[in-house]
PDB file of N, CA and C in Angstrom:
ATOM      1  N   UNK A   1       0.848  -1.166   0.000  1.00  0.00           N
ATOM      2  CA  UNK A   1       0.000   0.000   0.000  1.00  0.00           C
ATOM      3  C   UNK A   1       0.894   1.229   0.000  1.00  0.00           C
ATOM      4  N   UNK A   2       0.535   2.186  -0.805  1.00  0.00           N
ATOM      5  CA  UNK A   2       1.293   3.414  -0.877  1.00  0.00           C
ATOM      6  C   UNK A   2       0.330   4.574  -0.741  1.00  0.00           C
ATOM      7  N   UNK A   3       0.704   5.519   0.100  1.00  0.00           N
ATOM      8  CA  UNK A   3      -0.116   6.705   0.318  1.00  0.00           C
ATOM      9  C   UNK A   3       0.703   7.919  -0.092  1.00  0.00           C
ATOM     10  N   UNK A   4       0.095   8.784  -0.852  1.00  0.00           N
ATOM     11  CA  UNK A   4       0.761  10.018  -1.252  1.00  0.00           C
ATOM     12  C   UNK A   4       0.141  11.165  -0.477  1.00  0.00           C
ATOM     13  N   UNK A   5       1.001  11.949   0.149  1.00  0.00           N
ATOM     14  CA  UNK A   5       0.534  13.054   0.964  1.00  0.00           C
ATOM     15  C   UNK A   5       1.343  14.287   0.595  1.00  0.00           C
ATOM     16  N   UNK A   6       0.663  15.318   0.208  1.00  0.00           N
ATOM     17  CA  UNK A   6       1.349  16.562  -0.129  1.00  0.00           C
ATOM     18  C   UNK A   6       1.114  17.560   0.989  1.00  0.00           C
ATOM     19  N   UNK A   7       2.230  18.032   1.558  1.00  0.00           N
ATOM     20  CA  UNK A   7       2.152  18.990   2.655  1.00  0.00           C
ATOM     21  C   UNK A   7       2.786  20.305   2.226  1.00  0.00           C
ATOM     22  N   UNK A   8       2.180  21.419   2.596  1.00  0.00           N
ATOM     23  CA  UNK A   8       2.801  22.702   2.303  1.00  0.00           C
ATOM     24  C   UNK A   8       4.116  22.845   3.085  1.00  0.00           C
ATOM     25  N   UNK A   9       5.023  23.644   2.557  1.00  0.00           N
ATOM     26  CA  UNK A   9       6.321  23.834   3.219  1.00  0.00           C
ATOM     27  C   UNK A   9       6.167  24.386   4.628  1.00  0.00           C
ATOM     28  N   UNK A  10       5.153  25.209   4.852  1.00  0.00           N
ATOM     29  CA  UNK A  10       4.951  25.766   6.192  1.00  0.00           C
ATOM     30  C   UNK A  10       4.627  24.668   7.202  1.00  0.00           C
ATOM     31  N   UNK A  11       3.889  23.643   6.788  1.00  0.00           N
ATOM     32  CA  UNK A  11       3.570  22.519   7.680  1.00  0.00           C
ATOM     33  C   UNK A  11       4.804  21.650   7.883  1.00  0.00           C
ATOM     34  N   UNK A  12       5.551  21.397   6.824  1.00  0.00           N
ATOM     35  CA  UNK A  12       6.758  20.572   6.914  1.00  0.00           C
ATOM     36  C   UNK A  12       7.760  21.201   7.881  1.00  0.00           C
ATOM     37  N   UNK A  13       7.879  22.522   7.854  1.00  0.00           N
ATOM     38  CA  UNK A  13       8.831  23.189   8.749  1.00  0.00           C
ATOM     39  C   UNK A  13       8.404  23.054  10.209  1.00  0.00           C
ATOM     40  N   UNK A  14       7.121  22.907  10.484  1.00  0.00           N
ATOM     41  CA  UNK A  14       6.630  22.741  11.854  1.00  0.00           C
ATOM     42  C   UNK A  14       6.865  21.328  12.395  1.00  0.00           C
ATOM     43  N   UNK A  15       7.026  20.356  11.512  1.00  0.00           N
ATOM     44  CA  UNK A  15       7.168  18.964  11.944  1.00  0.00           C
ATOM     45  C   UNK A  15       8.504  18.693  12.623  1.00  0.00           C
ATOM     46  N   UNK A  16       9.535  19.393  12.234  1.00  0.00           N
ATOM     47  CA  UNK A  16      10.841  19.156  12.832  1.00  0.00           C
ATOM     48  C   UNK A  16      11.604  18.082  12.095  1.00  0.00           C
ATOM     49  N   UNK A  17      11.100  16.880  12.050  1.00  0.00           N
ATOM     50  CA  UNK A  17      11.711  15.774  11.315  1.00  0.00           C
ATOM     51  C   UNK A  17      11.177  15.758   9.892  1.00  0.00           C
ATOM     52  N   UNK A  18      11.735  14.876   9.108  1.00  0.00           N
ATOM     53  CA  UNK A  18      11.196  14.655   7.766  1.00  0.00           C
ATOM     54  C   UNK A  18       9.763  14.145   7.910  1.00  0.00           C
ATOM     55  N   UNK A  19       8.869  14.504   7.008  1.00  0.00           N
ATOM     56  CA  UNK A  19       7.464  14.067   7.124  1.00  0.00           C
ATOM     57  C   UNK A  19       7.319  12.556   7.224  1.00  0.00           C
ATOM     58  N   UNK A  20       8.138  11.805   6.480  1.00  0.00           N
ATOM     59  CA  UNK A  20       8.054  10.340   6.544  1.00  0.00           C
ATOM     60  C   UNK A  20       8.358   9.849   7.955  1.00  0.00           C
ATOM     61  N   UNK A  21       9.376  10.441   8.552  1.00  0.00           N
ATOM     62  CA  UNK A  21       9.781  10.043   9.915  1.00  0.00           C
ATOM     63  C   UNK A  21       8.683  10.389  10.918  1.00  0.00           C
ATOM     64  N   UNK A  22       8.083  11.557  10.776  1.00  0.00           N
ATOM     65  CA  UNK A  22       7.028  11.984  11.690  1.00  0.00           C
ATOM     66  C   UNK A  22       5.819  11.058  11.584  1.00  0.00           C
ATOM     67  N   UNK A  23       5.431  10.727  10.370  1.00  0.00           N
ATOM     68  CA  UNK A  23       4.297   9.829  10.171  1.00  0.00           C
ATOM     69  C   UNK A  23       4.600   8.457  10.757  1.00  0.00           C
ATOM     70  N   UNK A  24       5.823   7.975  10.549  1.00  0.00           N
ATOM     71  CA  UNK A  24       6.232   6.686  11.108  1.00  0.00           C
ATOM     72  C   UNK A  24       6.126   6.709  12.632  1.00  0.00           C
ATOM     73  N   UNK A  25       6.611   7.776  13.271  1.00  0.00           N
ATOM     74  CA  UNK A  25       6.554   7.897  14.731  1.00  0.00           C
ATOM     75  C   UNK A  25       5.100   7.901  15.221  1.00  0.00           C
ATOM     76  N   UNK A  26       4.236   8.625  14.515  1.00  0.00           N
ATOM     77  CA  UNK A  26       2.832   8.691  14.918  1.00  0.00           C
ATOM     78  C   UNK A  26       2.144   7.327  14.815  1.00  0.00           C
ATOM     79  N   UNK A  27       2.409   6.634  13.731  1.00  0.00           N
ATOM     80  CA  UNK A  27       1.812   5.302  13.560  1.00  0.00           C
ATOM     81  C   UNK A  27       2.325   4.353  14.639  1.00  0.00           C
ATOM     82  N   UNK A  28       3.618   4.386  14.914  1.00  0.00           N
ATOM     83  CA  UNK A  28       4.205   3.517  15.936  1.00  0.00           C
ATOM     84  C   UNK A  28       3.619   3.832  17.311  1.00  0.00           C
ATOM     85  N   UNK A  29       3.471   5.121  17.631  1.00  0.00           N
ATOM     86  CA  UNK A  29       2.891   5.512  18.919  1.00  0.00           C
ATOM     87  C   UNK A  29       1.450   5.029  19.033  1.00  0.00           C
ATOM     88  N   UNK A  30       0.706   5.142  17.953  1.00  0.00           N
ATOM     89  CA  UNK A  30      -0.690   4.684  17.980  1.00  0.00           C
ATOM     90  C   UNK A  30      -0.774   3.174  18.192  1.00  0.00           C
ATOM     91  N   UNK A  31       0.068   2.431  17.496  1.00  0.00           N
ATOM     92  CA  UNK A  31       0.033   0.973  17.622  1.00  0.00           C
ATOM     93  C   UNK A  31       0.454   0.510  19.003  1.00  0.00           C
ATOM     94  N   UNK A  32       1.417   1.183  19.604  1.00  0.00           N
ATOM     95  CA  UNK A  32       1.860   0.769  20.939  1.00  0.00           C
ATOM     96  C   UNK A  32       0.856   1.172  22.006  1.00  0.00           C
ATOM     97  N   UNK A  33       0.031   2.197  21.728  1.00  0.00           N
ATOM     98  CA  UNK A  33      -0.972   2.639  22.697  1.00  0.00           C
ATOM     99  C   UNK A  33      -2.197   1.734  22.706  1.00  0.00           C
ATOM    100  N   UNK A  34      -2.462   1.049  21.622  1.00  0.00           N
ATOM    101  CA  UNK A  34      -3.623   0.161  21.573  1.00  0.00           C
ATOM    102  C   UNK A  34      -3.293  -1.146  22.277  1.00  0.00           C
ATOM    103  N   UNK A  35      -4.285  -1.747  22.885  1.00  0.00           N
ATOM    104  CA  UNK A  35      -4.092  -2.996  23.601  1.00  0.00           C
ATOM    105  C   UNK A  35      -4.020  -4.141  22.611  1.00  0.00           C
ATOM    106  N   UNK A  36      -2.916  -4.852  22.668  1.00  0.00           N
ATOM    107  CA  UNK A  36      -2.748  -6.006  21.798  1.00  0.00           C
ATOM    108  C   UNK A  36      -2.292  -7.177  22.666  1.00  0.00           C
ATOM    109  N   UNK A  37      -2.569  -8.369  22.236  1.00  0.00           N
ATOM    110  CA  UNK A  37      -2.112  -9.546  22.970  1.00  0.00           C
ATOM    111  C   UNK A  37      -3.038  -9.893  24.113  1.00  0.00           C
ATOM    112  N   UNK A  38      -2.466 -10.540  25.121  1.00  0.00           N
ATOM    113  CA  UNK A  38      -3.246 -10.977  26.268  1.00  0.00           C
ATOM    114  C   UNK A  38      -3.735  -9.795  27.084  1.00  0.00           C
ATOM    115  N   UNK A  39      -4.911  -9.909  27.651  1.00  0.00           N
ATOM    116  CA  UNK A  39      -5.406  -8.824  28.490  1.00  0.00           C
ATOM    117  C   UNK A  39      -4.622  -8.737  29.802  1.00  0.00           C
ATOM    118  N   UNK A  40      -4.718  -7.612  30.426  1.00  0.00           N
ATOM    119  CA  UNK A  40      -4.056  -7.405  31.708  1.00  0.00           C
ATOM    120  C   UNK A  40      -4.712  -8.326  32.736  1.00  0.00           C
ATOM    121  N   UNK A  41      -3.903  -8.907  33.614  1.00  0.00           N
ATOM    122  CA  UNK A  41      -4.463  -9.827  34.602  1.00  0.00           C
ATOM    123  C   UNK A  41      -5.299  -9.066  35.620  1.00  0.00           C
ATOM    124  N   UNK A  42      -6.245  -9.752  36.166  1.00  0.00           N
ATOM    125  CA  UNK A  42      -7.119  -9.193  37.178  1.00  0.00           C
ATOM    126  C   UNK A  42      -6.593  -9.655  38.531  1.00  0.00           C
ATOM    127  N   UNK A  43      -5.741  -8.858  39.137  1.00  0.00           N
ATOM    128  CA  UNK A  43      -5.036  -9.246  40.359  1.00  0.00           C
ATOM    129  C   UNK A  43      -5.988  -9.526  41.517  1.00  0.00           C
ATOM    130  N   UNK A  44      -6.972  -8.661  41.693  1.00  0.00           N
ATOM    131  CA  UNK A  44      -7.916  -8.831  42.804  1.00  0.00           C
ATOM    132  C   UNK A  44      -8.700 -10.130  42.637  1.00  0.00           C
ATOM    133  N   UNK A  45      -9.203 -10.366  41.429  1.00  0.00           N
ATOM    134  CA  UNK A  45      -9.953 -11.589  41.154  1.00  0.00           C
ATOM    135  C   UNK A  45      -9.078 -12.815  41.378  1.00  0.00           C
ATOM    136  N   UNK A  46      -7.840 -12.770  40.880  1.00  0.00           N
ATOM    137  CA  UNK A  46      -6.938 -13.905  41.020  1.00  0.00           C
ATOM    138  C   UNK A  46      -6.627 -14.191  42.488  1.00  0.00           C
ATOM    139  N   UNK A  47      -6.449 -13.135  43.284  1.00  0.00           N
ATOM    140  CA  UNK A  47      -6.198 -13.325  44.712  1.00  0.00           C
ATOM    141  C   UNK A  47      -7.415 -13.949  45.391  1.00  0.00           C
ATOM    142  N   UNK A  48      -8.616 -13.497  45.030  1.00  0.00           N
ATOM    143  CA  UNK A  48      -9.844 -14.073  45.596  1.00  0.00           C
ATOM    144  C   UNK A  48      -9.971 -15.554  45.240  1.00  0.00           C
ATOM    145  N   UNK A  49      -9.640 -15.888  43.999  1.00  0.00           N
ATOM    146  CA  UNK A  49      -9.715 -17.283  43.550  1.00  0.00           C
ATOM    147  C   UNK A  49      -8.731 -18.141  44.328  1.00  0.00           C
ATOM    148  N   UNK A  50      -7.495 -17.668  44.475  1.00  0.00           N
ATOM    149  CA  UNK A  50      -6.488 -18.435  45.223  1.00  0.00           C
ATOM    150  C   UNK A  50      -6.898 -18.590  46.684  1.00  0.00           C
ATOM    151  N   UNK A  51      -7.447 -17.530  47.280  1.00  0.00           N
ATOM    152  CA  UNK A  51      -7.892 -17.605  48.675  1.00  0.00           C
ATOM    153  C   UNK A  51      -8.999 -18.640  48.854  1.00  0.00           C
ATOM    154  N   UNK A  52      -9.948 -18.658  47.929  1.00  0.00           N
ATOM    155  CA  UNK A  52     -11.036 -19.631  48.020  1.00  0.00           C
ATOM    156  C   UNK A  52     -10.513 -21.056  47.868  1.00  0.00           C
ATOM    157  N   UNK A  53      -9.576 -21.253  46.946  1.00  0.00           N
ATOM    158  CA  UNK A  53      -9.021 -22.598  46.745  1.00  0.00           C
ATOM    159  C   UNK A  53      -8.260 -23.062  47.977  1.00  0.00           C
ATOM    160  N   UNK A  54      -7.491 -22.174  48.592  1.00  0.00           N
ATOM    161  CA  UNK A  54      -6.743 -22.535  49.800  1.00  0.00           C
ATOM    162  C   UNK A  54      -7.706 -22.817  50.958  1.00  0.00           C
ATOM    163  N   UNK A  55      -8.850 -22.140  50.959  1.00  0.00           N
ATOM    164  CA  UNK A  55      -9.856 -22.370  51.996  1.00  0.00           C
ATOM    165  C   UNK A  55     -10.603 -23.680  51.798  1.00  0.00           C
ATOM    166  N   UNK A  56     -10.402 -24.331  50.632  1.00  0.00           N
ATOM    167  CA  UNK A  56     -10.993 -25.635  50.420  1.00  0.00           C
ATOM    168  C   UNK A  56     -12.131 -25.687  49.415  1.00  0.00           C
ATOM    169  N   UNK A  57     -12.433 -24.579  48.786  1.00  0.00           N
ATOM    170  CA  UNK A  57     -13.492 -24.579  47.775  1.00  0.00           C
ATOM    171  C   UNK A  57     -12.972 -25.319  46.543  1.00  0.00           C
ATOM    172  N   UNK A  58     -13.799 -26.203  45.993  1.00  0.00           N
ATOM    173  CA  UNK A  58     -13.374 -26.990  44.834  1.00  0.00           C
ATOM    174  C   UNK A  58     -13.234 -26.106  43.597  1.00  0.00           C
ATOM    175  N   UNK A  59     -12.299 -26.485  42.738  1.00  0.00           N
ATOM    176  CA  UNK A  59     -12.010 -25.703  41.533  1.00  0.00           C
ATOM    177  C   UNK A  59     -13.222 -25.589  40.621  1.00  0.00           C
ATOM    178  N   UNK A  60     -14.029 -26.618  40.539  1.00  0.00           N
ATOM    179  CA  UNK A  60     -15.202 -26.574  39.663  1.00  0.00           C
ATOM    180  C   UNK A  60     -16.198 -25.525  40.153  1.00  0.00           C
ATOM    181  N   UNK A  61     -16.345 -25.371  41.456  1.00  0.00           N
ATOM    182  CA  UNK A  61     -17.252 -24.370  42.017  1.00  0.00           C
ATOM    183  C   UNK A  61     -16.726 -22.971  41.719  1.00  0.00           C
ATOM    184  N   UNK A  62     -15.419 -22.780  41.891  1.00  0.00           N
ATOM    185  CA  UNK A  62     -14.797 -21.479  41.604  1.00  0.00           C
ATOM    186  C   UNK A  62     -14.924 -21.158  40.118  1.00  0.00           C
ATOM    187  N   UNK A  63     -14.695 -22.152  39.275  1.00  0.00           N
ATOM    188  CA  UNK A  63     -14.785 -21.951  37.826  1.00  0.00           C
ATOM    189  C   UNK A  63     -16.186 -21.501  37.432  1.00  0.00           C
ATOM    190  N   UNK A  64     -17.198 -22.113  37.991  1.00  0.00           N
ATOM    191  CA  UNK A  64     -18.575 -21.722  37.679  1.00  0.00           C
ATOM    192  C   UNK A  64     -18.889 -20.317  38.198  1.00  0.00           C
ATOM    193  N   UNK A  65     -18.371 -19.984  39.366  1.00  0.00           N
ATOM    194  CA  UNK A  65     -18.635 -18.670  39.957  1.00  0.00           C
ATOM    195  C   UNK A  65     -18.028 -17.537  39.128  1.00  0.00           C
ATOM    196  N   UNK A  66     -16.813 -17.739  38.624  1.00  0.00           N
ATOM    197  CA  UNK A  66     -16.108 -16.690  37.890  1.00  0.00           C
ATOM    198  C   UNK A  66     -16.200 -16.866  36.373  1.00  0.00           C
ATOM    199  N   UNK A  67     -16.952 -17.843  35.925  1.00  0.00           N
ATOM    200  CA  UNK A  67     -17.125 -18.123  34.497  1.00  0.00           C
ATOM    201  C   UNK A  67     -15.770 -18.358  33.818  1.00  0.00           C
ATOM    202  N   UNK A  68     -14.973 -19.250  34.427  1.00  0.00           N
ATOM    203  CA  UNK A  68     -13.666 -19.630  33.908  1.00  0.00           C
ATOM    204  C   UNK A  68     -13.637 -21.136  33.714  1.00  0.00           C
ATOM    205  N   UNK A  69     -12.648 -21.613  32.997  1.00  0.00           N
ATOM    206  CA  UNK A  69     -12.477 -23.057  32.878  1.00  0.00           C
ATOM    207  C   UNK A  69     -11.774 -23.569  34.137  1.00  0.00           C
ATOM    208  N   UNK A  70     -11.937 -24.842  34.402  1.00  0.00           N
ATOM    209  CA  UNK A  70     -11.276 -25.454  35.560  1.00  0.00           C
ATOM    210  C   UNK A  70      -9.767 -25.371  35.395  1.00  0.00           C
ATOM    211  N   UNK A  71      -9.286 -25.519  34.162  1.00  0.00           N
ATOM    212  CA  UNK A  71      -7.856 -25.422  33.896  1.00  0.00           C
ATOM    213  C   UNK A  71      -7.329 -24.030  34.242  1.00  0.00           C
ATOM    214  N   UNK A  72      -8.083 -22.978  33.879  1.00  0.00           N
ATOM    215  CA  UNK A  72      -7.645 -21.613  34.173  1.00  0.00           C
ATOM    216  C   UNK A  72      -7.638 -21.372  35.675  1.00  0.00           C
ATOM    217  N   UNK A  73      -8.624 -21.887  36.375  1.00  0.00           N
ATOM    218  CA  UNK A  73      -8.644 -21.754  37.840  1.00  0.00           C
ATOM    219  C   UNK A  73      -7.410 -22.440  38.425  1.00  0.00           C
ATOM    220  N   UNK A  74      -7.073 -23.610  37.921  1.00  0.00           N
ATOM    221  CA  UNK A  74      -5.884 -24.321  38.400  1.00  0.00           C
ATOM    222  C   UNK A  74      -4.620 -23.511  38.157  1.00  0.00           C
ATOM    223  N   UNK A  75      -4.520 -22.862  37.012  1.00  0.00           N
ATOM    224  CA  UNK A  75      -3.355 -22.028  36.711  1.00  0.00           C
ATOM    225  C   UNK A  75      -3.264 -20.840  37.671  1.00  0.00           C
ATOM    226  N   UNK A  76      -4.394 -20.185  37.916  1.00  0.00           N
ATOM    227  CA  UNK A  76      -4.418 -19.031  38.817  1.00  0.00           C
ATOM    228  C   UNK A  76      -4.046 -19.454  40.225  1.00  0.00           C
ATOM    229  N   UNK A  77      -4.581 -20.588  40.668  1.00  0.00           N
ATOM    230  CA  UNK A  77      -4.283 -21.085  42.013  1.00  0.00           C
ATOM    231  C   UNK A  77      -2.808 -21.438  42.129  1.00  0.00           C
ATOM    232  N   UNK A  78      -2.251 -22.066  41.111  1.00  0.00           N
ATOM    233  CA  UNK A  78      -0.829 -22.427  41.144  1.00  0.00           C
ATOM    234  C   UNK A  78       0.050 -21.192  41.280  1.00  0.00           C
ATOM    235  N   UNK A  79      -0.328 -20.118  40.610  1.00  0.00           N
ATOM    236  CA  UNK A  79       0.464 -18.890  40.680  1.00  0.00           C
ATOM    237  C   UNK A  79       0.302 -18.178  42.015  1.00  0.00           C
ATOM    238  N   UNK A  80      -0.876 -18.239  42.622  1.00  0.00           N
ATOM    239  CA  UNK A  80      -1.140 -17.449  43.815  1.00  0.00           C
ATOM    240  C   UNK A  80      -1.257 -18.221  45.107  1.00  0.00           C
ATOM    241  N   UNK A  81      -0.925 -19.498  45.081  1.00  0.00           N
ATOM    242  CA  UNK A  81      -1.124 -20.345  46.262  1.00  0.00           C
ATOM    243  C   UNK A  81      -0.276 -19.903  47.447  1.00  0.00           C
ATOM    244  N   UNK A  82       0.986 -19.605  47.225  1.00  0.00           N
ATOM    245  CA  UNK A  82       1.873 -19.214  48.325  1.00  0.00           C
ATOM    246  C   UNK A  82       1.392 -17.930  48.985  1.00  0.00           C
ATOM    247  N   UNK A  83       1.014 -16.951  48.176  1.00  0.00           N
ATOM    248  CA  UNK A  83       0.514 -15.688  48.721  1.00  0.00           C
ATOM    249  C   UNK A  83      -0.806 -15.902  49.450  1.00  0.00           C
ATOM    250  N   UNK A  84      -1.651 -16.792  48.950  1.00  0.00           N
ATOM    251  CA  UNK A  84      -2.934 -17.079  49.598  1.00  0.00           C
ATOM    252  C   UNK A  84      -2.717 -17.727  50.960  1.00  0.00           C
ATOM    253  N   UNK A  85      -1.758 -18.642  51.031  1.00  0.00           N
ATOM    254  CA  UNK A  85      -1.434 -19.255  52.337  1.00  0.00           C
ATOM    255  C   UNK A  85      -0.952 -18.189  53.316  1.00  0.00           C
ATOM    256  N   UNK A  86      -0.117 -17.277  52.857  1.00  0.00           N
ATOM    257  CA  UNK A  86       0.394 -16.222  53.731  1.00  0.00           C
ATOM    258  C   UNK A  86      -0.743 -15.318  54.208  1.00  0.00           C
ATOM    259  N   UNK A  87      -1.656 -14.944  53.320  1.00  0.00           N
ATOM    260  CA  UNK A  87      -2.801 -14.113  53.726  1.00  0.00           C
ATOM    261  C   UNK A  87      -3.674 -14.848  54.737  1.00  0.00           C
ATOM    262  N   UNK A  88      -3.841 -16.155  54.558  1.00  0.00           N
ATOM    263  CA  UNK A  88      -4.662 -16.939  55.481  1.00  0.00           C
ATOM    264  C   UNK A  88      -4.014 -16.996  56.866  1.00  0.00           C
ATOM    265  N   UNK A  89      -2.689 -17.181  56.905  1.00  0.00           N
ATOM    266  CA  UNK A  89      -1.972 -17.205  58.187  1.00  0.00           C
ATOM    267  C   UNK A  89      -2.098 -15.855  58.888  1.00  0.00           C
ATOM    268  N   UNK A  90      -1.909 -14.772  58.138  1.00  0.00           N
ATOM    269  CA  UNK A  90      -2.010 -13.436  58.734  1.00  0.00           C
ATOM    270  C   UNK A  90      -3.416 -13.171  59.269  1.00  0.00           C
ATOM    271  N   UNK A  91      -4.427 -13.608  58.546  1.00  0.00           N
ATOM    272  CA  UNK A  91      -5.810 -13.408  59.007  1.00  0.00           C
ATOM    273  C   UNK A  91      -6.072 -14.233  60.267  1.00  0.00           C
ATOM    274  N   UNK A  92      -5.583 -15.461  60.295  1.00  0.00           N
ATOM    275  CA  UNK A  92      -5.752 -16.309  61.477  1.00  0.00           C
ATOM    276  C   UNK A  92      -5.067 -15.684  62.687  1.00  0.00           C
ATOM    277  N   UNK A  93      -3.845 -15.198  62.490  1.00  0.00           N
ATOM    278  CA  UNK A  93      -3.114 -14.554  63.586  1.00  0.00           C
ATOM    279  C   UNK A  93      -3.840 -13.311  64.081  1.00  0.00           C
ATOM    280  N   UNK A  94      -4.386 -12.516  63.161  1.00  0.00           N
ATOM    281  CA  UNK A  94      -5.122 -11.312  63.554  1.00  0.00           C
ATOM    282  C   UNK A  94      -6.387 -11.695  64.329  1.00  0.00           C
ATOM    283  N   UNK A  95      -7.061 -12.738  63.896  1.00  0.00           N
ATOM    284  CA  UNK A  95      -8.259 -13.199  64.604  1.00  0.00           C
ATOM    285  C   UNK A  95      -7.914 -13.675  66.012  1.00  0.00           C
ATOM    286  N   UNK A  96      -6.811 -14.414  66.141  1.00  0.00           N
ATOM    287  CA  UNK A  96      -6.391 -14.892  67.464  1.00  0.00           C
ATOM    288  C   UNK A  96      -6.002 -13.733  68.376  1.00  0.00           C
ATOM    289  N   UNK A  97      -5.319 -12.729  67.830  1.00  0.00           N
ATOM    290  CA  UNK A  97      -4.962 -11.558  68.643  1.00  0.00           C
ATOM    291  C   UNK A  97      -6.216 -10.857  69.140  1.00  0.00           C
ATOM    292  N   UNK A  98      -7.231 -10.759  68.288  1.00  0.00           N
ATOM    293  CA  UNK A  98      -8.474 -10.097  68.705  1.00  0.00           C
ATOM    294  C   UNK A  98      -9.210 -10.899  69.783  1.00  0.00           C
ATOM    295  N   UNK A  99      -9.131 -12.219  69.700  1.00  0.00           N
ATOM    296  CA  UNK A  99      -9.801 -13.058  70.704  1.00  0.00           C
ATOM    297  C   UNK A  99      -9.134 -12.913  72.063  1.00  0.00           C
ATOM    298  N   UNK A 100      -7.797 -12.925  72.080  1.00  0.00           N
ATOM    299  CA  UNK A 100      -7.066 -12.928  73.341  1.00  0.00           C
ATOM    300  C   UNK A 100      -6.616 -11.548  73.778  1.00  0.00           C
ATOM    301  N   UNK A 101      -7.078 -10.516  73.107  1.00  0.00           N
ATOM    302  CA  UNK A 101      -6.730  -9.151  73.506  1.00  0.00           C
ATOM    303  C   UNK A 101      -7.414  -8.853  74.836  1.00  0.00           C
ATOM    304  N   UNK A 102      -6.630  -8.319  75.778  1.00  0.00           N
ATOM    305  CA  UNK A 102      -7.251  -8.003  77.086  1.00  0.00           C
ATOM    306  C   UNK A 102      -8.307  -6.907  76.927  1.00  0.00           C
ATOM    307  N   UNK A 103      -9.411  -7.118  77.596  1.00  0.00           N
ATOM    308  CA  UNK A 103     -10.494  -6.147  77.533  1.00  0.00           C
ATOM    309  C   UNK A 103     -10.308  -5.139  78.662  1.00  0.00           C
ATOM    310  N   UNK A 104     -10.563  -3.903  78.318  1.00  0.00           N
ATOM    311  CA  UNK A 104     -10.387  -2.857  79.345  1.00  0.00           C
ATOM    312  C   UNK A 104     -11.701  -2.304  79.802  1.00  0.00           C
TER     313      UNK A 104
END
């Protein structure tokens, strides 16, 4: 594909670079600004899924709740299992501190 563009000299002088270079930069900037490839991960959702799996909820139940495949739930859990265990321990410790906190 070839595009012919005629620009007045006054416009060319405002561009700074050669018109071809400026057009190339604009096209490249536009393409890099558009979302391409895999979507951005949903961190909050993934953490919730891992927490539920660590709490004992079956993967099929989680998959139905979030409208995901069981395989995808397994992948998310595998990635977030360690962090989910740590959050569960911290929550348990906080609950125990609240139970045994001296009342005034």
